[in-house]
Amino acid sequence: MPYLLKTEPSAYSFADLQRDKETIWDGVTNPVALKNLRGMQPKDELIIYHTGDEKSAVGMASVVSVDNSDAKNPRVKIKAGKPLGKQHALSEIKANKLFADSPLVRQGRLSVVPLTETQYKFLVGTH
């Protein structure tokens, strides 16, 4: 299942992930977002989304491993992928009917958001 991960670029940007190649995705406290993190599987595809002033989907990544031994702090290792060929601003995403029922637009503060395959393909430009 694909997911979208939100990050404040001044704290940890997609460029930081590309530089590091891999990282543990942590700092998530929202119970729904934690549930989404715990549900991830190795090889799940990810979209990295910059919050703050940017508010846009910027890059791709994938899940390397998931350690759910601590339910309150799942350790999801992700690896960097390519930048998106076209960044997608939140305003564009909100205007697209594919995202009408998405937690991305319905639960704006949710930092880990499941995506449908169709939503993922739209964001990576393979729809």
C-alpha atoms as a PDB file:
ATOM      1  CA  MET A   1       0.000   0.000   0.000  1.00  0.00           C
ATOM      2  CA  PRO A   2       1.385   3.449  -0.803  1.00  0.00           C
ATOM      3  CA  TYR A   3       1.592   6.178   1.814  1.00  0.00           C
ATOM      4  CA  LEU A   4       2.332   9.881   1.945  1.00  0.00           C
ATOM      5  CA  LEU A   5       4.714  11.105   4.659  1.00  0.00           C
ATOM      6  CA  LYS A   6       4.620  14.757   5.671  1.00  0.00           C
ATOM      7  CA  THR A   7       7.712  16.568   6.867  1.00  0.00           C
ATOM      8  CA  GLU A   8       8.659  20.154   7.612  1.00  0.00           C
ATOM      9  CA  PRO A   9      11.532  20.765   5.169  1.00  0.00           C
ATOM     10  CA  SER A  10      13.390  22.973   7.663  1.00  0.00           C
ATOM     11  CA  ALA A  11      13.438  19.979  10.067  1.00  0.00           C
ATOM     12  CA  TYR A  12      14.070  17.135   7.572  1.00  0.00           C
ATOM     13  CA  SER A  13      13.625  17.648   3.853  1.00  0.00           C
ATOM     14  CA  PHE A  14      13.520  15.286   0.897  1.00  0.00           C
ATOM     15  CA  ALA A  15      17.007  16.584   0.024  1.00  0.00           C
ATOM     16  CA  ASP A  16      18.141  15.462   3.502  1.00  0.00           C
ATOM     17  CA  LEU A  17      16.706  11.997   2.828  1.00  0.00           C
ATOM     18  CA  GLN A  18      18.488  11.846  -0.532  1.00  0.00           C
ATOM     19  CA  ARG A  19      21.754  12.848   1.145  1.00  0.00           C
ATOM     20  CA  ASP A  20      21.299  10.261   3.934  1.00  0.00           C
ATOM     21  CA  LYS A  21      19.960   7.594   1.515  1.00  0.00           C
ATOM     22  CA  GLU A  22      18.066   5.933   4.415  1.00  0.00           C
ATOM     23  CA  THR A  23      16.517   7.108   7.680  1.00  0.00           C
ATOM     24  CA  ILE A  24      14.215   5.988  10.475  1.00  0.00           C
ATOM     25  CA  TRP A  25      10.889   7.827  10.167  1.00  0.00           C
ATOM     26  CA  ASP A  26      10.035   8.912  13.691  1.00  0.00           C
ATOM     27  CA  GLY A  27       8.624  11.753  15.722  1.00  0.00           C
ATOM     28  CA  VAL A  28       5.042  10.712  14.945  1.00  0.00           C
ATOM     29  CA  THR A  29       2.628  11.146  17.856  1.00  0.00           C
ATOM     30  CA  ASN A  30      -0.884  11.209  16.340  1.00  0.00           C
ATOM     31  CA  PRO A  31      -2.592   7.853  17.087  1.00  0.00           C
ATOM     32  CA  VAL A  32      -4.015   7.529  13.547  1.00  0.00           C
ATOM     33  CA  ALA A  33      -0.650   8.359  11.981  1.00  0.00           C
ATOM     34  CA  LEU A  34       1.032   5.815  14.291  1.00  0.00           C
ATOM     35  CA  LYS A  35      -1.496   3.184  13.220  1.00  0.00           C
ATOM     36  CA  ASN A  36      -0.649   3.951   9.579  1.00  0.00           C
ATOM     37  CA  LEU A  37       3.085   3.645  10.326  1.00  0.00           C
ATOM     38  CA  ARG A  38       2.558   0.285  12.064  1.00  0.00           C
ATOM     39  CA  GLY A  39       0.623  -0.910   9.006  1.00  0.00           C
ATOM     40  CA  MET A  40       3.510  -0.350   6.613  1.00  0.00           C
ATOM     41  CA  GLN A  41       5.294  -3.271   4.977  1.00  0.00           C
ATOM     42  CA  PRO A  42       8.747  -3.521   3.397  1.00  0.00           C
ATOM     43  CA  LYS A  43       8.702  -2.308  -0.224  1.00  0.00           C
ATOM     44  CA  ASP A  44       5.626  -0.095   0.307  1.00  0.00           C
ATOM     45  CA  GLU A  45       5.946   2.978  -1.906  1.00  0.00           C
ATOM     46  CA  LEU A  46       6.015   6.427  -0.308  1.00  0.00           C
ATOM     47  CA  ILE A  47       5.488  10.018  -1.345  1.00  0.00           C
ATOM     48  CA  ILE A  48       7.404  12.644   0.634  1.00  0.00           C
ATOM     49  CA  TYR A  49       5.379  15.807   1.171  1.00  0.00           C
ATOM     50  CA  HIS A  50       6.816  19.115   2.405  1.00  0.00           C
ATOM     51  CA  THR A  51       4.616  21.028   4.847  1.00  0.00           C
ATOM     52  CA  GLY A  52       5.066  24.636   5.954  1.00  0.00           C
ATOM     53  CA  ASP A  53       5.455  27.234   3.230  1.00  0.00           C
ATOM     54  CA  GLU A  54       5.864  24.653   0.444  1.00  0.00           C
ATOM     55  CA  LYS A  55       2.796  22.429   0.946  1.00  0.00           C
ATOM     56  CA  SER A  56       3.635  20.087  -1.933  1.00  0.00           C
ATOM     57  CA  ALA A  57       4.470  16.484  -2.771  1.00  0.00           C
ATOM     58  CA  VAL A  58       8.142  16.510  -3.764  1.00  0.00           C
ATOM     59  CA  GLY A  59       9.684  13.037  -3.900  1.00  0.00           C
ATOM     60  CA  MET A  60       9.467   9.275  -3.702  1.00  0.00           C
ATOM     61  CA  ALA A  61      10.805   6.788  -1.177  1.00  0.00           C
ATOM     62  CA  SER A  62      10.123   3.214  -0.094  1.00  0.00           C
ATOM     63  CA  VAL A  63       9.912   1.218   3.119  1.00  0.00           C
ATOM     64  CA  VAL A  64      12.997  -0.877   3.896  1.00  0.00           C
ATOM     65  CA  SER A  65      11.895  -2.403   7.207  1.00  0.00           C
ATOM     66  CA  VAL A  66       9.320  -2.057   9.968  1.00  0.00           C
ATOM     67  CA  ASP A  67       9.981  -2.773  13.647  1.00  0.00           C
ATOM     68  CA  ASN A  68       6.729  -2.738  15.622  1.00  0.00           C
ATOM     69  CA  SER A  69       8.210  -4.088  18.857  1.00  0.00           C
ATOM     70  CA  ASP A  70       7.415  -0.750  20.552  1.00  0.00           C
ATOM     71  CA  ALA A  71       3.775  -0.004  19.655  1.00  0.00           C
ATOM     72  CA  LYS A  72       4.108   3.634  20.724  1.00  0.00           C
ATOM     73  CA  ASN A  73       7.217   4.196  18.611  1.00  0.00           C
ATOM     74  CA  PRO A  74       7.291   1.997  15.506  1.00  0.00           C
ATOM     75  CA  ARG A  75      10.662   2.160  13.740  1.00  0.00           C
ATOM     76  CA  VAL A  76      10.123   2.400  10.013  1.00  0.00           C
ATOM     77  CA  LYS A  77      13.303   2.563   7.956  1.00  0.00           C
ATOM     78  CA  ILE A  78      12.821   4.245   4.598  1.00  0.00           C
ATOM     79  CA  LYS A  79      15.123   4.799   1.655  1.00  0.00           C
ATOM     80  CA  ALA A  80      15.187   7.708  -0.742  1.00  0.00           C
ATOM     81  CA  GLY A  81      13.845   7.458  -4.252  1.00  0.00           C
ATOM     82  CA  LYS A  82      13.737  10.014  -7.028  1.00  0.00           C
ATOM     83  CA  PRO A  83      12.294  13.508  -6.904  1.00  0.00           C
ATOM     84  CA  LEU A  84       8.850  13.685  -8.462  1.00  0.00           C
ATOM     85  CA  GLY A  85       8.962  14.743 -12.108  1.00  0.00           C
ATOM     86  CA  LYS A  86       6.356  17.346 -11.192  1.00  0.00           C
ATOM     87  CA  GLN A  87       5.737  18.624  -7.698  1.00  0.00           C
ATOM     88  CA  HIS A  88       2.073  18.718  -6.697  1.00  0.00           C
ATOM     89  CA  ALA A  89       0.888  21.606  -4.541  1.00  0.00           C
ATOM     90  CA  LEU A  90      -1.757  20.981  -1.903  1.00  0.00           C
ATOM     91  CA  SER A  91      -4.140  23.302  -3.763  1.00  0.00           C
ATOM     92  CA  GLU A  92      -3.824  21.105  -6.878  1.00  0.00           C
ATOM     93  CA  ILE A  93      -4.326  17.938  -4.823  1.00  0.00           C
ATOM     94  CA  LYS A  94      -7.410  19.386  -3.105  1.00  0.00           C
ATOM     95  CA  ALA A  95      -8.892  20.341  -6.490  1.00  0.00           C
ATOM     96  CA  ASN A  96      -8.452  16.803  -7.878  1.00  0.00           C
ATOM     97  CA  LYS A  97     -11.502  14.545  -7.447  1.00  0.00           C
ATOM     98  CA  LEU A  98      -9.187  11.547  -6.861  1.00  0.00           C
ATOM     99  CA  PHE A  99      -8.410  13.009  -3.426  1.00  0.00           C
ATOM    100  CA  ALA A 100     -11.964  14.001  -2.408  1.00  0.00           C
ATOM    101  CA  ASP A 101     -12.133  11.320   0.324  1.00  0.00           C
ATOM    102  CA  SER A 102      -8.412  11.285   1.157  1.00  0.00           C
ATOM    103  CA  PRO A 103      -7.254  11.893   4.725  1.00  0.00           C
ATOM    104  CA  LEU A 104      -4.702  14.223   3.101  1.00  0.00           C
ATOM    105  CA  VAL A 105      -7.462  16.765   2.514  1.00  0.00           C
ATOM    106  CA  ARG A 106      -9.932  15.651   5.198  1.00  0.00           C
ATOM    107  CA  GLN A 107      -7.441  15.387   8.103  1.00  0.00           C
ATOM    108  CA  GLY A 108      -4.919  18.103   7.319  1.00  0.00           C
ATOM    109  CA  ARG A 109      -2.815  17.530  10.447  1.00  0.00           C
ATOM    110  CA  LEU A 110      -2.280  13.812   9.772  1.00  0.00           C
ATOM    111  CA  SER A 111       1.433  13.217   9.096  1.00  0.00           C
ATOM    112  CA  VAL A 112       1.216   9.657   7.710  1.00  0.00           C
ATOM    113  CA  VAL A 113      -1.531   9.267   5.114  1.00  0.00           C
ATOM    114  CA  PRO A 114      -2.516   6.111   3.206  1.00  0.00           C
ATOM    115  CA  LEU A 115      -2.927   6.571  -0.542  1.00  0.00           C
ATOM    116  CA  THR A 116      -4.859   4.548  -3.074  1.00  0.00           C
ATOM    117  CA  GLU A 117      -2.884   3.118  -5.998  1.00  0.00           C
ATOM    118  CA  THR A 118      -4.650   5.645  -8.266  1.00  0.00           C
ATOM    119  CA  GLN A 119      -3.660   8.569  -6.025  1.00  0.00           C
ATOM    120  CA  TYR A 120      -0.064   7.326  -5.906  1.00  0.00           C
ATOM    121  CA  LYS A 121       0.106   6.924  -9.684  1.00  0.00           C
ATOM    122  CA  PHE A 122      -1.254  10.451 -10.150  1.00  0.00           C
ATOM    123  CA  LEU A 123       1.401  11.908  -7.836  1.00  0.00           C
ATOM    124  CA  VAL A 124       4.289  10.043  -9.511  1.00  0.00           C
ATOM    125  CA  GLY A 125       2.931  10.839 -12.968  1.00  0.00           C
ATOM    126  CA  THR A 126       2.102   7.343 -14.153  1.00  0.00           C
ATOM    127  CA  HIS A 127      -1.700   7.625 -14.227  1.00  0.00           C
END
